[in-house]
Amino acid sequence: MPPRVVEPVARVVDTTVPGTAGPVPVRVHTPAGRPLGVVVYLHGGGHVTGTIDSYDGLTRRLANRVPATVVSVGYRRAPEHRCPAAVEDAEAVHGWATDHVRVLAPDSGGRVAVAGDSAGGNNTAVLVRRLRDAGAPPPALQVLVYPPVDAVAYRDRSAHPSYTECGRGFGLLYEDGLSYWDHYLGPDGDPASPDASPMRAASLAGLPPAYVLTVQYDVLRDEGEAYARALEAAGVPVQHRRWDGHLHGFLGDPATFSDADPALEEIAAALRAALTTDAQATVSH
């Protein structure tokens, strides 16, 4: 098998950030171009799999395309660490990135955004609500890529058509999603807690602008799109983009999916605008 080719960036540093339960591993990608700000990235994997290493290709590509310094977070995973351990780690890293933004992205506007896909999209949505509730500085943008946002609806398979339409034969199985939720919540976890299900928060008002990406053939499609509508209804500026003809996880596989790079370019454009201007995201569905 030929060696895996990764996109070069100017610098890669593995380090740790102080967290509530101990050091949190991070990988800091400095882009080839001058960074316009910082993006904290939360990887996917159902809160069970996925690592900084397995997402190294995607975070490198994102860093160069914005360009921004991308801080990839090695948050604690289930089943050893239940909800909300992953978000606690993300919160610690976001605080560190905010405090060190002028070092991580010199000569930038000093802004920090948060992005994540799949379980990382769930972590992102929960994180920005926790930051709002704590009165912490909000991210410039929240990027939610095919996110799971409602464990209650997911367990009620009749809640959204995509649970049955796309539950088999399209990569991520409905049963896999159930297993991930069971691992993350554990036997005593509350699926209705907003720390697990951001859709169940008492209010979504006052959250930062959002970019929400969904795909046609994904068991989570309708859930993510319902969340985009709920954000918009709460007065949050939302860009929603559905990529038809694609599967959950396509963004990280440009060798297989020709739209993976165009999709990442759109995300990068939204991040670039959020990091360099005070303009709100454009609402479009």
Protein backbone atom coordinates (compact mmCIF):
# COMPACT_ATOMS: atom_id res chain seq x y z
CA MET A 1 0.00 0.00 0.00
CA PRO A 2 1.44 3.44 -0.91
CA PRO A 3 2.16 5.84 1.96
CA ARG A 4 -0.65 8.17 2.96
CA VAL A 5 -0.16 11.59 1.45
CA VAL A 6 -0.99 14.50 3.76
CA GLU A 7 -1.24 18.14 2.81
CA PRO A 8 1.72 20.16 4.12
CA VAL A 9 1.15 23.02 6.54
CA ALA A 10 3.67 25.50 7.88
CA ARG A 11 3.91 23.92 11.33
CA VAL A 12 2.41 21.12 13.42
CA VAL A 13 2.75 21.06 17.21
CA ASP A 14 1.37 18.41 19.57
CA THR A 15 0.84 19.72 23.08
CA THR A 16 -1.65 19.65 25.95
CA VAL A 17 -4.07 22.14 27.46
CA PRO A 18 -5.07 22.12 31.15
CA GLY A 19 -8.53 20.60 31.57
CA THR A 20 -10.89 19.96 34.46
CA ALA A 21 -9.92 16.26 34.56
CA GLY A 22 -6.30 16.58 33.49
CA PRO A 23 -4.34 17.62 30.40
CA VAL A 24 -6.25 17.63 27.10
CA PRO A 25 -4.17 16.66 24.03
CA VAL A 26 -4.30 19.09 21.11
CA ARG A 27 -2.62 19.32 17.73
CA VAL A 28 -2.00 22.83 16.47
CA HIS A 29 -1.82 23.29 12.68
CA THR A 30 -0.34 26.59 11.51
CA PRO A 31 -1.38 27.14 7.88
CA ALA A 32 0.84 27.85 4.90
CA GLY A 33 -0.70 31.34 4.66
CA ARG A 34 -1.00 33.99 7.37
CA PRO A 35 -3.65 32.76 9.83
CA LEU A 36 -6.75 34.96 9.97
CA GLY A 37 -7.76 33.59 13.36
CA VAL A 38 -8.15 30.31 15.21
CA VAL A 39 -10.52 27.38 14.60
CA VAL A 40 -11.02 24.87 17.41
CA TYR A 41 -11.86 21.56 15.69
CA LEU A 42 -13.79 18.70 17.34
CA HIS A 43 -13.52 15.42 15.47
CA GLY A 44 -16.23 12.87 14.78
CA GLY A 45 -16.51 9.21 15.70
CA GLY A 46 -19.71 8.82 17.67
CA HIS A 47 -17.96 10.01 20.87
CA VAL A 48 -16.31 6.57 20.82
CA THR A 49 -13.87 6.40 17.89
CA GLY A 50 -11.97 9.08 15.99
CA THR A 51 -8.68 10.70 17.06
CA ILE A 52 -6.49 13.67 16.33
CA ASP A 53 -4.43 11.36 14.11
CA SER A 54 -7.37 10.00 12.12
CA TYR A 55 -8.55 13.56 11.42
CA ASP A 56 -5.09 14.95 10.66
CA GLY A 57 -5.76 15.09 6.92
CA LEU A 58 -8.99 17.04 7.31
CA THR A 59 -7.63 19.53 9.84
CA ARG A 60 -4.58 20.22 7.66
CA ARG A 61 -6.81 20.89 4.65
CA LEU A 62 -9.06 23.16 6.70
CA ALA A 63 -6.11 25.13 8.12
CA ASN A 64 -4.77 25.93 4.66
CA ARG A 65 -8.11 26.75 3.08
CA VAL A 66 -9.30 29.34 5.58
CA PRO A 67 -6.34 30.03 6.33
CA ALA A 68 -6.47 29.72 10.11
CA THR A 69 -4.58 28.07 12.92
CA VAL A 70 -6.57 24.92 13.61
CA VAL A 71 -6.47 23.46 17.12
CA SER A 72 -7.62 19.83 16.90
CA VAL A 73 -8.90 18.53 20.24
CA GLY A 74 -8.22 15.03 21.59
CA TYR A 75 -11.22 15.06 23.90
CA ARG A 76 -12.08 12.18 26.24
CA ARG A 77 -14.22 9.49 24.64
CA ALA A 78 -16.89 7.01 25.69
CA PRO A 79 -17.52 4.51 27.10
CA GLU A 80 -14.72 5.24 29.59
CA HIS A 81 -15.77 8.90 29.75
CA ARG A 82 -19.48 9.67 29.55
CA CYS A 83 -21.35 12.81 28.61
CA PRO A 84 -20.40 15.64 29.10
CA ALA A 85 -16.68 14.82 29.42
CA ALA A 86 -16.00 15.54 25.75
CA VAL A 87 -17.59 18.98 25.97
CA GLU A 88 -15.74 19.82 29.19
CA ASP A 89 -12.48 19.17 27.35
CA ALA A 90 -13.67 21.24 24.37
CA GLU A 91 -14.59 24.09 26.71
CA ALA A 92 -11.12 24.04 28.26
CA VAL A 93 -9.45 24.15 24.86
CA HIS A 94 -11.73 26.94 23.63
CA GLY A 95 -10.80 29.01 26.68
CA TRP A 96 -7.11 28.34 26.09
CA ALA A 97 -7.39 29.24 22.40
CA THR A 98 -9.22 32.46 23.27
CA ASP A 99 -6.54 33.41 25.79
CA HIS A 100 -3.72 32.60 23.34
CA VAL A 101 -5.26 33.72 20.06
CA ARG A 102 -2.67 36.48 19.53
CA VAL A 103 0.11 33.90 19.84
CA LEU A 104 -1.65 31.26 17.75
CA ALA A 105 -2.64 33.72 15.02
CA PRO A 106 -0.40 36.81 15.17
CA ASP A 107 -1.57 39.88 13.25
CA SER A 108 -5.09 38.45 13.00
CA GLY A 109 -8.33 39.98 14.18
CA GLY A 110 -8.10 37.85 17.32
CA ARG A 111 -11.23 35.81 16.65
CA VAL A 112 -11.88 32.14 17.47
CA ALA A 113 -14.41 29.87 15.75
CA VAL A 114 -15.47 26.32 16.62
CA ALA A 115 -16.16 23.52 14.13
CA GLY A 116 -16.93 19.83 14.34
CA ASP A 117 -18.37 16.96 12.36
CA SER A 118 -20.70 14.18 13.49
CA ALA A 119 -20.11 13.72 17.24
CA GLY A 120 -17.81 16.73 17.04
CA GLY A 121 -20.73 18.69 15.63
CA ASN A 122 -22.75 17.65 18.67
CA ASN A 123 -19.90 18.79 20.92
CA THR A 124 -19.73 22.11 19.06
CA ALA A 125 -23.45 22.79 19.46
CA VAL A 126 -23.34 21.94 23.17
CA LEU A 127 -20.17 23.96 23.71
CA VAL A 128 -21.52 27.21 22.28
CA ARG A 129 -24.66 26.95 24.43
CA ARG A 130 -22.55 26.36 27.56
CA LEU A 131 -20.38 29.34 26.68
CA ARG A 132 -23.50 31.48 26.27
CA ASP A 133 -24.88 30.36 29.60
CA ALA A 134 -21.55 31.06 31.31
CA GLY A 135 -21.31 34.55 29.83
CA ALA A 136 -18.04 33.59 28.10
CA PRO A 137 -16.89 35.24 24.86
CA PRO A 138 -18.82 33.61 21.99
CA PRO A 139 -17.08 32.01 19.03
CA ALA A 140 -17.19 33.96 15.78
CA LEU A 141 -18.95 31.01 14.10
CA GLN A 142 -20.14 27.51 14.96
CA VAL A 143 -19.72 24.97 12.14
CA LEU A 144 -21.89 21.88 12.51
CA VAL A 145 -21.20 19.14 9.95
CA TYR A 146 -23.85 16.37 9.86
CA PRO A 147 -24.39 16.71 13.61
CA PRO A 148 -26.41 14.47 15.94
CA VAL A 149 -28.37 16.89 18.11
CA ASP A 150 -31.31 15.01 19.63
CA ALA A 151 -30.90 11.64 21.37
CA VAL A 152 -34.60 11.61 22.30
CA ALA A 153 -35.74 11.93 18.69
CA TYR A 154 -33.14 9.41 17.54
CA ARG A 155 -34.43 6.77 19.91
CA ASP A 156 -37.93 7.45 18.60
CA ARG A 157 -37.24 6.23 15.10
CA SER A 158 -40.50 7.69 13.80
CA ALA A 159 -39.43 11.25 14.64
CA HIS A 160 -37.67 11.92 11.30
CA PRO A 161 -37.98 10.17 7.89
CA SER A 162 -34.21 9.92 7.39
CA TYR A 163 -33.96 7.49 10.31
CA THR A 164 -35.71 4.86 8.21
CA GLU A 165 -34.97 6.12 4.68
CA CYS A 166 -31.21 6.23 5.28
CA GLY A 167 -30.82 3.87 8.22
CA ARG A 168 -29.34 1.08 6.11
CA GLY A 169 -27.19 0.93 3.02
CA PHE A 170 -25.69 4.42 3.29
CA GLY A 171 -22.63 4.02 5.50
CA LEU A 172 -23.71 5.08 8.99
CA LEU A 173 -26.35 2.61 10.16
CA TYR A 174 -29.23 3.60 12.40
CA GLU A 175 -28.18 0.84 14.82
CA ASP A 176 -24.65 2.27 14.94
CA GLY A 177 -26.08 5.61 16.03
CA LEU A 178 -28.02 3.92 18.83
CA SER A 179 -24.86 2.18 20.00
CA TYR A 180 -22.92 5.45 20.03
CA TRP A 181 -25.62 7.17 22.08
CA ASP A 182 -25.70 4.23 24.51
CA HIS A 183 -21.92 4.39 24.96
CA TYR A 184 -21.89 8.16 25.42
CA LEU A 185 -24.85 8.40 27.79
CA GLY A 186 -24.35 5.15 29.70
CA PRO A 187 -27.16 3.38 31.55
CA ASP A 188 -27.98 6.41 33.72
CA GLY A 189 -27.48 9.26 31.25
CA ASP A 190 -30.36 11.57 30.36
CA PRO A 191 -30.95 11.73 26.59
CA ALA A 192 -33.00 14.92 27.07
CA SER A 193 -30.15 16.78 28.79
CA PRO A 194 -29.03 19.74 26.66
CA ASP A 195 -25.45 18.61 27.31
CA ALA A 196 -26.27 15.56 25.19
CA SER A 197 -29.08 16.88 22.99
CA PRO A 198 -28.60 20.56 22.10
CA MET A 199 -32.01 20.54 20.42
CA ARG A 200 -33.50 20.11 23.91
CA ALA A 201 -31.99 23.31 25.34
CA ALA A 202 -34.52 25.65 26.94
CA SER A 203 -33.55 28.36 24.44
CA LEU A 204 -31.29 28.64 21.41
CA ALA A 205 -31.48 32.43 21.36
CA GLY A 206 -28.23 34.35 21.58
CA LEU A 207 -26.03 31.62 20.14
CA PRO A 208 -23.30 32.56 17.64
CA PRO A 209 -23.94 32.41 13.88
CA ALA A 210 -23.99 28.89 12.50
CA TYR A 211 -22.96 27.06 9.35
CA VAL A 212 -24.80 23.72 9.19
CA LEU A 213 -23.88 21.06 6.62
CA THR A 214 -26.10 18.04 5.96
CA VAL A 215 -26.01 15.33 3.29
CA GLN A 216 -28.80 13.61 1.41
CA TYR A 217 -28.04 10.00 2.27
CA ASP A 218 -27.48 10.29 6.01
CA VAL A 219 -29.50 8.89 8.88
CA LEU A 220 -28.85 12.22 10.67
CA ARG A 221 -29.99 14.42 7.75
CA ASP A 222 -33.41 15.46 9.06
CA GLU A 223 -32.16 15.91 12.62
CA GLY A 224 -29.45 18.34 11.51
CA GLU A 225 -31.84 20.25 9.26
CA ALA A 226 -34.41 20.52 12.05
CA TYR A 227 -31.71 22.03 14.24
CA ALA A 228 -30.80 24.56 11.55
CA ARG A 229 -34.46 25.62 11.40
CA ALA A 230 -34.68 25.81 15.20
CA LEU A 231 -31.60 28.04 15.33
CA GLU A 232 -33.06 30.32 12.69
CA ALA A 233 -36.39 30.46 14.51
CA ALA A 234 -34.49 31.55 17.65
CA GLY A 235 -32.97 34.46 15.73
CA VAL A 236 -29.55 32.91 15.11
CA PRO A 237 -28.06 33.70 11.68
CA VAL A 238 -27.76 30.37 9.85
CA GLN A 239 -26.19 29.15 6.64
CA HIS A 240 -27.48 25.69 5.80
CA ARG A 241 -26.00 23.65 2.97
CA ARG A 242 -27.26 20.19 1.99
CA TRP A 243 -24.94 18.24 -0.29
CA ASP A 244 -27.13 15.91 -2.32
CA GLY A 245 -25.84 12.55 -3.47
CA HIS A 246 -23.42 12.16 -0.57
CA LEU A 247 -22.91 10.12 2.58
CA HIS A 248 -22.12 10.85 6.20
CA GLY A 249 -18.35 11.36 6.47
CA PHE A 250 -17.71 12.39 2.86
CA LEU A 251 -15.92 15.62 3.83
CA GLY A 252 -12.87 13.77 5.09
CA ASP A 253 -12.36 11.62 1.98
CA PRO A 254 -11.42 13.77 -1.04
CA ALA A 255 -9.83 10.77 -2.76
CA THR A 256 -13.26 9.11 -3.02
CA PHE A 257 -15.68 12.03 -3.14
CA SER A 258 -15.05 14.76 -5.71
CA ASP A 259 -17.22 17.20 -3.73
CA ALA A 260 -15.23 16.85 -0.50
CA ASP A 261 -12.87 19.70 -1.36
CA PRO A 262 -15.59 22.02 -2.76
CA ALA A 263 -17.61 21.41 0.43
CA LEU A 264 -14.58 22.19 2.58
CA GLU A 265 -13.94 25.33 0.52
CA GLU A 266 -17.48 26.54 1.34
CA ILE A 267 -16.91 25.92 5.04
CA ALA A 268 -13.57 27.71 4.81
CA ALA A 269 -15.23 30.69 3.13
CA ALA A 270 -17.78 30.93 5.96
CA LEU A 271 -15.02 30.72 8.55
CA ARG A 272 -12.90 33.25 6.69
CA ALA A 273 -15.77 35.75 6.67
CA ALA A 274 -16.51 35.18 10.37
CA LEU A 275 -12.87 35.57 11.39
CA THR A 276 -12.23 38.72 9.40
CA THR A 277 -15.47 40.74 9.49
CA ASP A 278 -18.16 41.67 11.96
CA ALA A 279 -20.85 40.77 9.45
CA GLN A 280 -23.37 38.14 10.49
CA ALA A 281 -23.66 34.93 8.49
CA THR A 282 -26.11 35.06 5.63
CA VAL A 283 -29.34 33.17 6.25
CA SER A 284 -30.09 30.72 3.48
CA HIS A 285 -31.91 27.42 3.17
